[in-house]
Each structure stands twice: as C-alpha cells, then as structure tokens.
Protein backbone atom coordinates (compact mmCIF):
# COMPACT_ATOMS: atom_id res chain seq x y z
CA UNK A 1 -7.82 -32.56 16.67
CA UNK A 2 -4.50 -33.89 15.96
CA UNK A 3 -3.40 -32.00 13.26
CA UNK A 4 -0.10 -30.86 11.71
CA UNK A 5 0.63 -27.62 12.93
CA UNK A 6 2.91 -25.03 10.82
CA UNK A 7 5.33 -25.17 13.41
CA UNK A 8 5.72 -29.10 12.73
CA UNK A 9 6.91 -28.32 9.00
CA UNK A 10 10.29 -27.46 8.19
CA UNK A 11 9.86 -24.64 5.88
CA UNK A 12 13.43 -23.23 5.34
CA UNK A 13 13.96 -22.99 1.78
CA UNK A 14 10.90 -24.15 0.50
CA UNK A 15 7.60 -22.84 -1.57
CA UNK A 16 4.69 -22.93 1.50
CA UNK A 17 1.02 -22.77 -0.33
CA UNK A 18 -0.88 -20.93 2.12
CA UNK A 19 -4.94 -20.74 2.11
CA UNK A 20 -5.89 -17.71 3.56
CA UNK A 21 -8.92 -15.51 4.04
CA UNK A 22 -8.85 -12.25 2.30
CA UNK A 23 -12.34 -11.88 1.75
CA UNK A 24 -12.58 -8.29 2.97
CA UNK A 25 -14.82 -5.56 2.42
CA UNK A 26 -14.32 -2.86 -0.15
CA UNK A 27 -15.90 -0.06 -1.22
CA UNK A 28 -16.67 1.58 -4.73
CA UNK A 29 -13.49 2.62 -5.04
CA UNK A 30 -11.83 -0.57 -4.13
CA UNK A 31 -10.19 0.79 -0.74
CA UNK A 32 -10.41 -1.94 1.97
CA UNK A 33 -12.85 -0.86 4.79
CA UNK A 34 -11.86 -3.57 7.35
CA UNK A 35 -8.54 -5.42 7.18
CA UNK A 36 -9.09 -7.48 10.34
CA UNK A 37 -8.66 -11.01 8.45
CA UNK A 38 -5.52 -9.98 6.28
CA UNK A 39 -3.76 -8.77 10.04
CA UNK A 40 -5.40 -12.02 11.28
CA UNK A 41 -3.19 -13.89 8.92
CA UNK A 42 -0.26 -12.02 9.45
CA UNK A 43 1.54 -14.52 12.16
CA UNK A 44 1.51 -17.72 9.87
CA UNK A 45 2.94 -15.61 6.89
CA UNK A 46 5.62 -13.61 9.02
CA UNK A 47 6.30 -17.40 10.87
CA UNK A 48 7.21 -18.91 7.08
CA UNK A 49 9.18 -15.77 6.14
CA UNK A 50 11.00 -15.75 9.68
CA UNK A 51 11.97 -19.61 8.87
CA UNK A 52 13.61 -19.39 5.35
CA UNK A 53 10.42 -19.77 3.44
CA UNK A 54 8.64 -18.27 0.60
CA UNK A 55 4.80 -17.43 1.13
CA UNK A 56 2.77 -18.35 -1.82
CA UNK A 57 -1.05 -16.97 -0.59
CA UNK A 58 -3.87 -17.27 -2.47
CA UNK A 59 -7.42 -16.57 -1.11
CA UNK A 60 -11.17 -15.85 -2.69
CA UNK A 61 -13.22 -12.48 -2.63
CA UNK A 62 -16.54 -11.69 -3.18
CA UNK A 63 -18.66 -14.15 -5.29
CA UNK A 64 -17.19 -13.87 -9.13
CA UNK A 65 -19.27 -17.43 -9.83
CA UNK A 66 -16.03 -18.76 -11.79
CA UNK A 67 -15.72 -15.75 -13.57
CA UNK A 68 -13.29 -12.62 -13.92
CA UNK A 69 -14.57 -9.57 -12.38
CA UNK A 70 -12.19 -6.61 -12.11
CA UNK A 71 -13.73 -5.01 -8.98
CA UNK A 72 -12.93 -8.53 -7.52
CA UNK A 73 -9.48 -8.66 -7.95
CA UNK A 74 -6.99 -8.78 -5.21
CA UNK A 75 -4.93 -6.08 -6.28
CA UNK A 76 -6.18 -4.15 -3.08
CA UNK A 77 -5.41 -6.89 -0.86
CA UNK A 78 -1.73 -7.21 -2.09
CA UNK A 79 -0.96 -3.44 -1.45
CA UNK A 80 -2.64 -3.80 2.17
CA UNK A 81 -0.46 -6.60 2.92
CA UNK A 82 2.51 -5.59 1.57
CA UNK A 83 1.97 -2.47 4.17
CA UNK A 84 1.13 -4.70 7.11
CA UNK A 85 4.56 -7.05 6.10
CA UNK A 86 6.98 -4.46 5.53
CA UNK A 87 8.15 -6.36 2.17
CA UNK A 88 6.79 -6.41 -1.62
CA UNK A 89 4.01 -8.55 -2.33
CA UNK A 90 4.09 -10.33 -6.00
CA UNK A 91 0.82 -10.01 -7.01
CA UNK A 92 0.23 -12.31 -9.94
CA UNK A 93 -3.00 -12.06 -12.34
CA UNK A 94 -3.94 -15.49 -12.39
CA UNK A 95 -4.42 -18.50 -10.17
CA UNK A 96 -3.00 -21.37 -11.94
CA UNK A 97 -0.84 -22.17 -15.32
CA UNK A 98 2.56 -22.22 -16.40
CA UNK A 99 2.61 -18.22 -16.55
CA UNK A 100 2.25 -18.53 -12.83
CA UNK A 101 4.47 -21.25 -12.00
CA UNK A 102 7.24 -19.43 -14.43
CA UNK A 103 6.67 -16.23 -12.37
CA UNK A 104 7.29 -18.11 -8.99
CA UNK A 105 10.21 -16.79 -7.21
CA UNK A 106 12.70 -19.95 -5.96
CA UNK A 107 11.80 -21.36 -2.34
CA UNK A 108 13.47 -19.40 0.38
CA UNK A 109 13.37 -15.99 -1.07
CA UNK A 110 12.33 -13.10 0.98
CA UNK A 111 9.61 -12.71 -0.93
CA UNK A 112 5.52 -12.76 -0.54
CA UNK A 113 3.76 -14.05 -3.39
CA UNK A 114 -0.50 -13.41 -3.99
CA UNK A 115 -2.22 -15.07 -6.43
CA UNK A 116 -5.08 -14.01 -8.03
CA UNK A 117 -8.75 -14.59 -6.87
CA UNK A 118 -9.67 -18.55 -6.43
CA UNK A 119 -12.92 -18.10 -7.45
CA UNK A 120 -12.50 -16.68 -10.68
CA UNK A 121 -11.62 -20.38 -11.57
CA UNK A 122 -15.11 -22.12 -11.54
CA UNK A 123 -13.00 -25.49 -10.16
CA UNK A 124 -12.37 -23.81 -7.03
CA UNK A 125 -16.15 -24.17 -5.74
CA UNK A 126 -16.37 -27.42 -7.25
CA UNK A 127 -13.55 -29.07 -5.70
CA UNK A 128 -12.27 -29.52 -9.04
CA UNK A 129 -8.97 -32.26 -8.91
CA UNK A 130 -7.36 -31.12 -12.23
CA UNK A 131 -7.60 -27.04 -10.59
CA UNK A 132 -6.45 -28.50 -7.20
CA UNK A 133 -3.81 -30.30 -8.95
CA UNK A 134 -2.58 -26.97 -10.38
CA UNK A 135 -2.46 -25.25 -6.95
CA UNK A 136 -0.34 -27.79 -5.43
CA UNK A 137 2.18 -27.33 -8.28
CA UNK A 138 2.98 -23.65 -6.84
CA UNK A 139 4.33 -25.31 -3.20
CA UNK A 140 6.12 -27.82 -1.73
CA UNK A 141 4.04 -27.47 1.36
CA UNK A 142 0.35 -26.78 2.13
CA UNK A 143 -0.61 -24.36 5.27
CA UNK A 144 -4.54 -23.78 5.46
CA UNK A 145 -5.14 -20.88 7.42
CA UNK A 146 -8.76 -20.10 6.32
CA UNK A 147 -11.06 -20.86 9.08
CA UNK A 148 -13.71 -18.75 7.14
CA UNK A 149 -13.78 -21.54 4.34
CA UNK A 150 -13.03 -24.51 6.38
CA UNK A 151 -16.71 -25.67 6.01
CA UNK A 152 -16.20 -25.87 2.00
CA UNK A 153 -14.86 -28.61 0.30
CA UNK A 154 -13.54 -26.23 -2.33
CA UNK A 155 -10.52 -27.57 -4.23
CA UNK A 156 -8.23 -24.99 -2.30
CA UNK A 157 -9.14 -26.48 0.97
CA UNK A 158 -10.12 -30.09 0.54
CA UNK A 159 -8.93 -31.33 -2.94
CA UNK A 160 -5.65 -29.80 -2.58
CA UNK A 161 -4.36 -31.69 0.30
CA UNK A 162 -4.25 -34.96 -1.23
CA UNK A 163 -0.98 -33.60 -2.96
CA UNK A 164 0.58 -33.01 0.17
CA UNK A 165 -0.11 -36.32 2.32
CA UNK A 166 1.18 -37.91 4.44
CA UNK A 167 3.10 -35.14 6.45
CA UNK A 168 2.95 -32.08 4.22
CA UNK A 169 -0.42 -30.25 4.94
CA UNK A 170 -0.59 -28.53 8.03
CA UNK A 171 -3.17 -25.88 9.77
CA UNK A 172 -1.92 -21.98 10.29
CA UNK A 173 -2.09 -20.11 13.62
CA UNK A 174 -5.22 -18.83 13.21
CA UNK A 175 -6.88 -22.09 11.70
CA UNK A 176 -5.15 -23.59 14.97
CA UNK A 177 -6.64 -21.11 17.16
CA UNK A 178 -9.94 -21.91 16.21
CA UNK A 179 -9.68 -25.22 16.54
CA UNK A 180 -8.08 -24.87 20.07
CA UNK A 181 -10.79 -22.62 21.30
CA UNK A 182 -13.77 -24.40 19.87
CA UNK A 183 -12.18 -28.10 20.98
CA UNK A 184 -12.07 -26.48 24.70
CA UNK A 185 -15.33 -24.81 24.89
CA UNK A 186 -17.37 -27.77 23.04
CA UNK A 187 -15.80 -30.67 24.94
CA UNK A 188 -14.44 -29.33 28.43
CA UNK A 189 -15.44 -26.04 29.11
CA UNK A 190 -15.47 -23.93 32.52
CA UNK A 191 -18.66 -24.42 34.41
CA UNK A 192 -21.41 -23.52 34.54
CA UNK A 193 -21.79 -23.43 30.54
CA UNK A 194 -24.30 -21.26 29.03
CA UNK A 195 -24.77 -20.70 25.30
CA UNK A 196 -26.05 -17.40 24.02
CA UNK A 197 -28.35 -17.75 20.72
CA UNK A 198 -29.83 -15.25 18.60
CA UNK A 199 -30.35 -14.26 14.96
CA UNK A 200 -33.13 -14.71 12.42
CA UNK A 201 -34.19 -18.04 11.74
CA UNK A 202 -34.96 -21.09 14.29
CA UNK A 203 -34.21 -23.17 11.42
CA UNK A 204 -30.38 -21.86 11.39
CA UNK A 205 -29.76 -22.86 15.30
CA UNK A 206 -31.74 -25.76 15.77
CA UNK A 207 -28.59 -28.22 14.85
CA UNK A 208 -26.59 -26.26 17.06
CA UNK A 209 -29.15 -25.89 19.98
CA UNK A 210 -29.53 -29.68 19.84
CA UNK A 211 -25.55 -30.66 19.59
CA UNK A 212 -24.98 -27.80 22.59
CA UNK A 213 -27.69 -29.59 24.77
CA UNK A 214 -25.15 -31.98 25.44
CA UNK A 215 -22.43 -29.68 26.98
CA UNK A 216 -24.04 -26.85 28.24
CA UNK A 217 -25.72 -25.87 31.55
CA UNK A 218 -28.25 -22.76 30.20
CA UNK A 219 -29.55 -21.83 27.00
CA UNK A 220 -30.55 -17.89 26.45
CA UNK A 221 -32.30 -17.49 23.36
CA UNK A 222 -33.01 -14.08 21.59
CA UNK A 223 -33.57 -12.35 18.80
CA UNK A 224 -36.36 -12.84 15.93
CA UNK A 225 -35.90 -16.70 16.64
CA UNK A 226 -37.09 -16.14 20.25
CA UNK A 227 -40.69 -15.35 18.91
CA UNK A 228 -41.11 -18.77 17.16
CA UNK A 229 -40.47 -20.45 20.82
CA UNK A 230 -42.70 -17.98 22.34
CA UNK A 231 -45.56 -18.64 20.27
CA UNK A 232 -44.90 -22.73 20.34
CA UNK A 233 -45.50 -21.99 23.98
CA UNK A 234 -48.42 -19.82 23.72
CA UNK A 235 -47.47 -16.55 24.36
CA UNK A 236 -48.68 -13.69 22.05
CA UNK A 237 -46.63 -12.56 20.19
CA UNK A 238 -48.04 -9.86 17.97
CA UNK A 239 -46.96 -9.42 14.52
CA UNK A 240 -43.54 -10.25 15.81
CA UNK A 241 -41.85 -12.77 13.11
CA UNK A 242 -42.68 -16.66 13.72
CA UNK A 243 -41.50 -19.08 11.32
CA UNK A 244 -44.42 -21.41 10.90
CA UNK A 245 -42.72 -24.07 9.19
CA UNK A 246 -39.88 -24.39 12.15
CA UNK A 247 -42.85 -24.57 14.85
CA UNK A 248 -41.61 -28.35 15.39
CA UNK A 249 -38.45 -27.69 15.70
CA UNK A 250 -38.57 -25.29 18.36
CA UNK A 251 -41.20 -27.79 20.04
CA UNK A 252 -38.67 -30.52 19.69
CA UNK A 253 -35.98 -28.55 20.96
CA UNK A 254 -38.05 -26.90 24.02
CA UNK A 255 -38.86 -30.82 24.88
CA UNK A 256 -35.36 -32.15 24.91
CA UNK A 257 -34.08 -28.75 26.76
CA UNK A 258 -36.81 -30.17 29.65
CA UNK A 259 -35.69 -33.97 29.28
CA UNK A 260 -32.17 -33.00 30.05
CA UNK A 261 -33.01 -30.59 32.81
CA UNK A 262 -31.32 -27.77 31.24
CA UNK A 263 -32.79 -24.13 31.23
CA UNK A 264 -33.82 -22.45 28.33
CA UNK A 265 -34.59 -19.12 28.53
CA UNK A 266 -36.84 -16.53 26.32
CA UNK A 267 -37.71 -13.18 26.56
CA UNK A 268 -40.24 -12.36 29.39
CA UNK A 269 -40.71 -8.39 27.97
CA UNK A 270 -39.63 -6.65 24.41
CA UNK A 271 -38.73 -3.98 22.86
CA UNK A 272 -41.97 -3.61 20.28
CA UNK A 273 -42.10 -1.64 17.22
CA UNK A 274 -45.10 -0.72 15.50
CA UNK A 275 -43.31 -1.24 11.94
CA UNK A 276 -39.49 -2.64 11.03
CA UNK A 277 -38.09 0.59 10.79
CA UNK A 278 -35.00 2.08 12.53
CA UNK A 279 -37.21 5.09 13.78
CA UNK A 280 -40.60 3.52 14.59
CA UNK A 281 -42.41 4.10 17.34
CA UNK A 282 -41.77 1.39 20.23
CA UNK A 283 -42.76 0.21 23.67
CA UNK A 284 -42.00 -2.04 26.62
CA UNK A 285 -44.20 -5.01 26.19
CA UNK A 286 -44.16 -7.29 29.17
CA UNK A 287 -45.06 -10.55 28.24
CA UNK A 288 -47.59 -10.68 25.52
CA UNK A 289 -47.10 -8.41 22.49
CA UNK A 290 -49.74 -6.26 21.40
CA UNK A 291 -51.58 -6.79 17.99
CA UNK A 292 -49.80 -5.54 15.15
CA UNK A 293 -46.67 -4.84 17.64
CA UNK A 294 -43.23 -6.50 16.67
CA UNK A 295 -40.68 -7.64 19.03
CA UNK A 296 -37.23 -6.01 17.65
CA UNK A 297 -34.91 -6.63 20.87
CA UNK A 298 -35.30 -7.70 24.57
CA UNK A 299 -36.67 -5.68 26.79
CA UNK A 300 -34.84 -4.40 30.34
CA UNK A 301 -36.27 -7.45 32.55
CA UNK A 302 -34.96 -9.83 29.96
CA UNK A 303 -31.58 -7.71 30.47
CA UNK A 304 -31.42 -8.61 33.83
CA UNK A 305 -32.33 -12.38 33.71
CA UNK A 306 -30.02 -12.93 31.03
CA UNK A 307 -26.92 -11.18 33.11
CA UNK A 308 -27.78 -13.31 35.60
CA UNK A 309 -26.92 -16.07 34.02
CA UNK A 310 -23.87 -14.69 31.95
CA UNK A 311 -22.34 -13.21 34.89
CA UNK A 312 -22.44 -16.41 37.02
CA UNK A 313 -21.29 -18.35 33.97
CA UNK A 314 -17.77 -20.26 33.98
CA UNK A 315 -17.98 -20.15 29.89
CA UNK A 316 -19.96 -18.47 27.48
CA UNK A 317 -20.75 -19.23 23.59
CA UNK A 318 -22.65 -16.60 21.77
CA UNK A 319 -24.01 -16.49 18.28
CA UNK A 320 -26.44 -14.27 17.26
CA UNK A 321 -27.71 -10.80 18.41
CA UNK A 322 -30.60 -10.26 20.76
CA UNK A 323 -32.15 -8.31 18.41
CA UNK A 324 -31.78 -5.33 15.36
CA UNK A 325 -28.49 -3.90 16.74
CA UNK A 326 -27.84 -1.84 13.63
CA UNK A 327 -30.74 0.39 14.68
CA UNK A 328 -29.98 2.35 18.03
CA UNK A 329 -33.53 2.21 19.20
CA UNK A 330 -33.43 -1.96 19.82
CA UNK A 331 -29.55 -2.09 20.70
CA UNK A 332 -29.78 -2.21 24.17
CA UNK A 333 -30.62 -5.87 24.58
CA UNK A 334 -26.96 -6.89 22.15
CA UNK A 335 -24.98 -4.40 23.95
CA UNK A 336 -25.61 -5.21 27.16
CA UNK A 337 -24.68 -9.00 26.68
CA UNK A 338 -21.71 -8.00 24.80
CA UNK A 339 -20.55 -5.57 27.45
CA UNK A 340 -21.03 -8.31 30.47
CA UNK A 341 -19.03 -10.54 28.72
CA UNK A 342 -16.54 -7.90 27.73
CA UNK A 343 -16.13 -7.06 31.62
CA UNK A 344 -16.57 -10.71 32.97
CA UNK A 345 -13.84 -13.12 33.78
CA UNK A 346 -15.46 -16.17 32.42
CA UNK A 347 -14.16 -17.70 29.32
CA UNK A 348 -16.01 -15.97 25.92
CA UNK A 349 -16.23 -16.93 22.61
CA UNK A 350 -18.04 -15.49 20.03
CA UNK A 351 -19.04 -17.59 16.96
CA UNK A 352 -18.63 -14.92 14.17
CA UNK A 353 -21.40 -13.60 11.70
CA UNK A 354 -23.68 -10.82 13.24
CA UNK A 355 -22.30 -11.48 16.55
CA UNK A 356 -18.52 -10.28 15.90
CA UNK A 357 -20.19 -7.60 13.76
CA UNK A 358 -21.92 -6.39 16.70
CA UNK A 359 -19.05 -6.26 19.31
CA UNK A 360 -17.07 -4.45 16.60
CA UNK A 361 -19.88 -1.75 16.32
CA UNK A 362 -19.44 -1.77 20.29
CA UNK A 363 -15.79 -1.31 20.21
CA UNK A 364 -15.06 -4.36 22.16
CA UNK A 365 -13.95 -7.04 19.66
CA UNK A 366 -10.64 -7.19 21.81
CA UNK A 367 -12.29 -8.02 25.23
CA UNK A 368 -13.37 -11.59 24.45
CA UNK A 369 -11.44 -14.85 24.87
CA UNK A 370 -11.92 -15.07 21.46
CA UNK A 371 -13.71 -13.92 18.47
CA UNK A 372 -14.25 -16.48 15.72
CA UNK A 373 -12.97 -15.17 12.01
CA UNK A 374 -15.94 -17.94 10.77
CA UNK A 375 -19.56 -17.31 10.43
CA UNK A 376 -20.72 -20.64 8.84
CA UNK A 377 -17.41 -22.25 9.64
CA UNK A 378 -18.11 -21.38 13.42
CA UNK A 379 -21.62 -22.19 13.82
CA UNK A 380 -21.19 -25.70 12.18
CA UNK A 381 -18.57 -26.33 14.57
CA UNK A 382 -21.00 -25.74 17.25
CA UNK A 383 -23.30 -28.44 15.67
CA UNK A 384 -20.35 -30.59 16.06
CA UNK A 385 -19.70 -31.31 12.69
CA UNK A 386 -16.21 -31.92 11.32
CA UNK A 387 -15.43 -29.37 8.66
CA UNK A 388 -14.00 -30.26 5.38
CA UNK A 389 -10.98 -28.40 5.37
CA UNK A 390 -10.11 -29.29 8.67
CA UNK A 391 -10.67 -32.93 7.87
CA UNK A 392 -8.37 -33.11 4.76
CA UNK A 393 -5.00 -31.98 6.87
CA UNK A 394 -2.38 -33.82 7.64
CA UNK A 395 -2.73 -36.09 11.07
CA UNK A 396 0.43 -35.14 13.53
C-alpha cells in the first residue's frame, strides 16, 4: 500500500497530531500492568521530537461509551510515557475545544501533549465530522500509528484525515511495519507458506480461511474451532464445542481446500477433559473423543504432525491458540507451536489477540519476525480487507 509515511513529512516547527493506541491494561489502583503499546509508539513520537516537531497524542482507553469515566482517564499513560521518553508530558483533561487549543504549546516546542480519552466523546466511535474537525484544529499534520484501531471507521482514524489531504496524513513507524509485514506475507511469502489458525469460533475464522486458501500451501487448524470441522467429517467429538450454525461454513471451507489441492490439517488426537475446568480429569484421546469428554488441547501425535509442517515452512502466519493455554494442563499444543516458531528460521508472524498473549505468557514475544499489536485489525488484514484507518491516509 503506497501510503505517505511520517518520514515523508516535514514536521519541523509544526504540531503533529498523532493517533496512538494507548489502550493498555490497568489494575484497580490504576497502575499500568503492561506498557507494550506505549513502548510501541515511542519511535514515532521520538522521531517527531528529534525533527523539531511537537507531538499532540490522542488515544482511547477502555469502553466509556461517550461518557467521562474517571478510571479510564489517561493520566497513568501520561506518567509512563513521560518516564519512557525522558521529557515532560502535558496531559490535558479534555479532548477538543477552546480550552484545549489555548493550552497547546507552539509548534516546534520540545513538549509532548496527550489529550484526554477520545471515547469520552460519543463522536469518536460515530466518526462524527464535527468532532473530527475539532481534533484536526490541534495539528498541522496528522500521523496514524494505531494499528489496533485501524479497522474502525472512527473520527480519530478516518474522518479527521479529510482535513489533512492531499499530502499531510501519514502512517507512523508502527503502522507502516504492520502494513509492510502483512503485505509481504499475504502477497509474496517465502514458501512453503503455512497458516496456523485456532481459537474458539469457526465463524470468526472462515473469512480468513477463504482468503488464505488463495495464498497458503497448508492450513493447520486447532483450538475449539477444530471440533466443528471434525464433527462435519464424521469424527466423534464427545462433549467438545460444536457450532451447529457454522457447520455449513466448515463444509464449504473443506471443499474449497480440496478443490485447490491445499492440505487442511486437523487434530488426530486430543487432550480431552471431563469438564471445562482448570484441574479437570484429563486423558489423551486417539481419534474419537469419548462421550462426555471434551477436547481442550491438541494431543502429542497432532503436535508432531503440526510441527512437521511448521518446521519445513518458509513463512508461517499464526492466529489463535491450539487449546486453553491459560491452563497448564491444556497449554502443551500452543506452547509447542510457539516454541517451534521461535526456534525456526522461517518468517513468523503472530496475528495479535490470544496468540500474542500466548507467546508473551511463554516469554517468546521477541523471537518472532513480527507480533502484531492489533487483534481485530490483524484478523481483517488476513481476510484481505482494506482497513478504514489505512485507506484514509494520503497516497504517496
């Protein structure tokens, strides 16, 4: 996608309105428990500062639904951002309006500004033009560096860009990396190309499977969604989760894979539990899962089968765990996939969401080619969609 980059802009002496993703987890005392998203925004902010610009940052936090919620104010973000940057962060208590405009430093001052939570204003999620115009008055240039919200047509990502066309709305370093990585692996991957898909719901992944069947050489399926596929194929799955409403979707995906001659691998054994509980009694079920038992992870034979495909791949795109990885008894499949990718030499892209949480849990996040910062956004990229927050940026 030939989009303008922050490095294409002359930011010197200008205020640069930056859409960041600071939707970080906080505990009950409002302490940030994971600052990964704040750290991910640093290269763009530091670039603007180094080039003589004044960053005016905006983000959402949580889902306040258009109302002011004190527990969702961005003060903790401002404090942590200031620590990481080593400069003072001016945190404002509002997002738009005369008071905000009056409080902004002049362009070129070595000062970082952080606006209040965008979603305190209902105009944000409605992509409201008036709210977007208010935001646009705060900057001479616009940079979107929030991949996690790029799939949303919200005012701070979409409508605001109308005020910065034709050549003042650019992508930040983080957003460009996401665009470049997904663009490469979805259009010109190193082969063989393998997709590893897991998670709970078949319906969530069918559009991904349909798009990837035009790209990949093999598809590996795990997680709860595998049991709908196995049930369709006539394999007994016991009390495992089966989505009756998605049976037709699974059948169509199997047929399309067969028509294209693409291997679609499904579990051949399972870690089956007597109940959906962390400490439930469990057994390895070969093939069929006994009545009353449910599959909560892939079994050892399936791990071997899947790792054979992964270790011989040139590129692997992974979205979704192989089992209930949060519980140690049912984490082996997900851990095995993560460790194989971390140890391999292939291009390895983790598509955000639960997969990103899993590799972090296993301490492997820094051993992949790329771990996406956006769950929903990465999923839509894998579906082949053009994301509103990217489409709205200036053409290069």
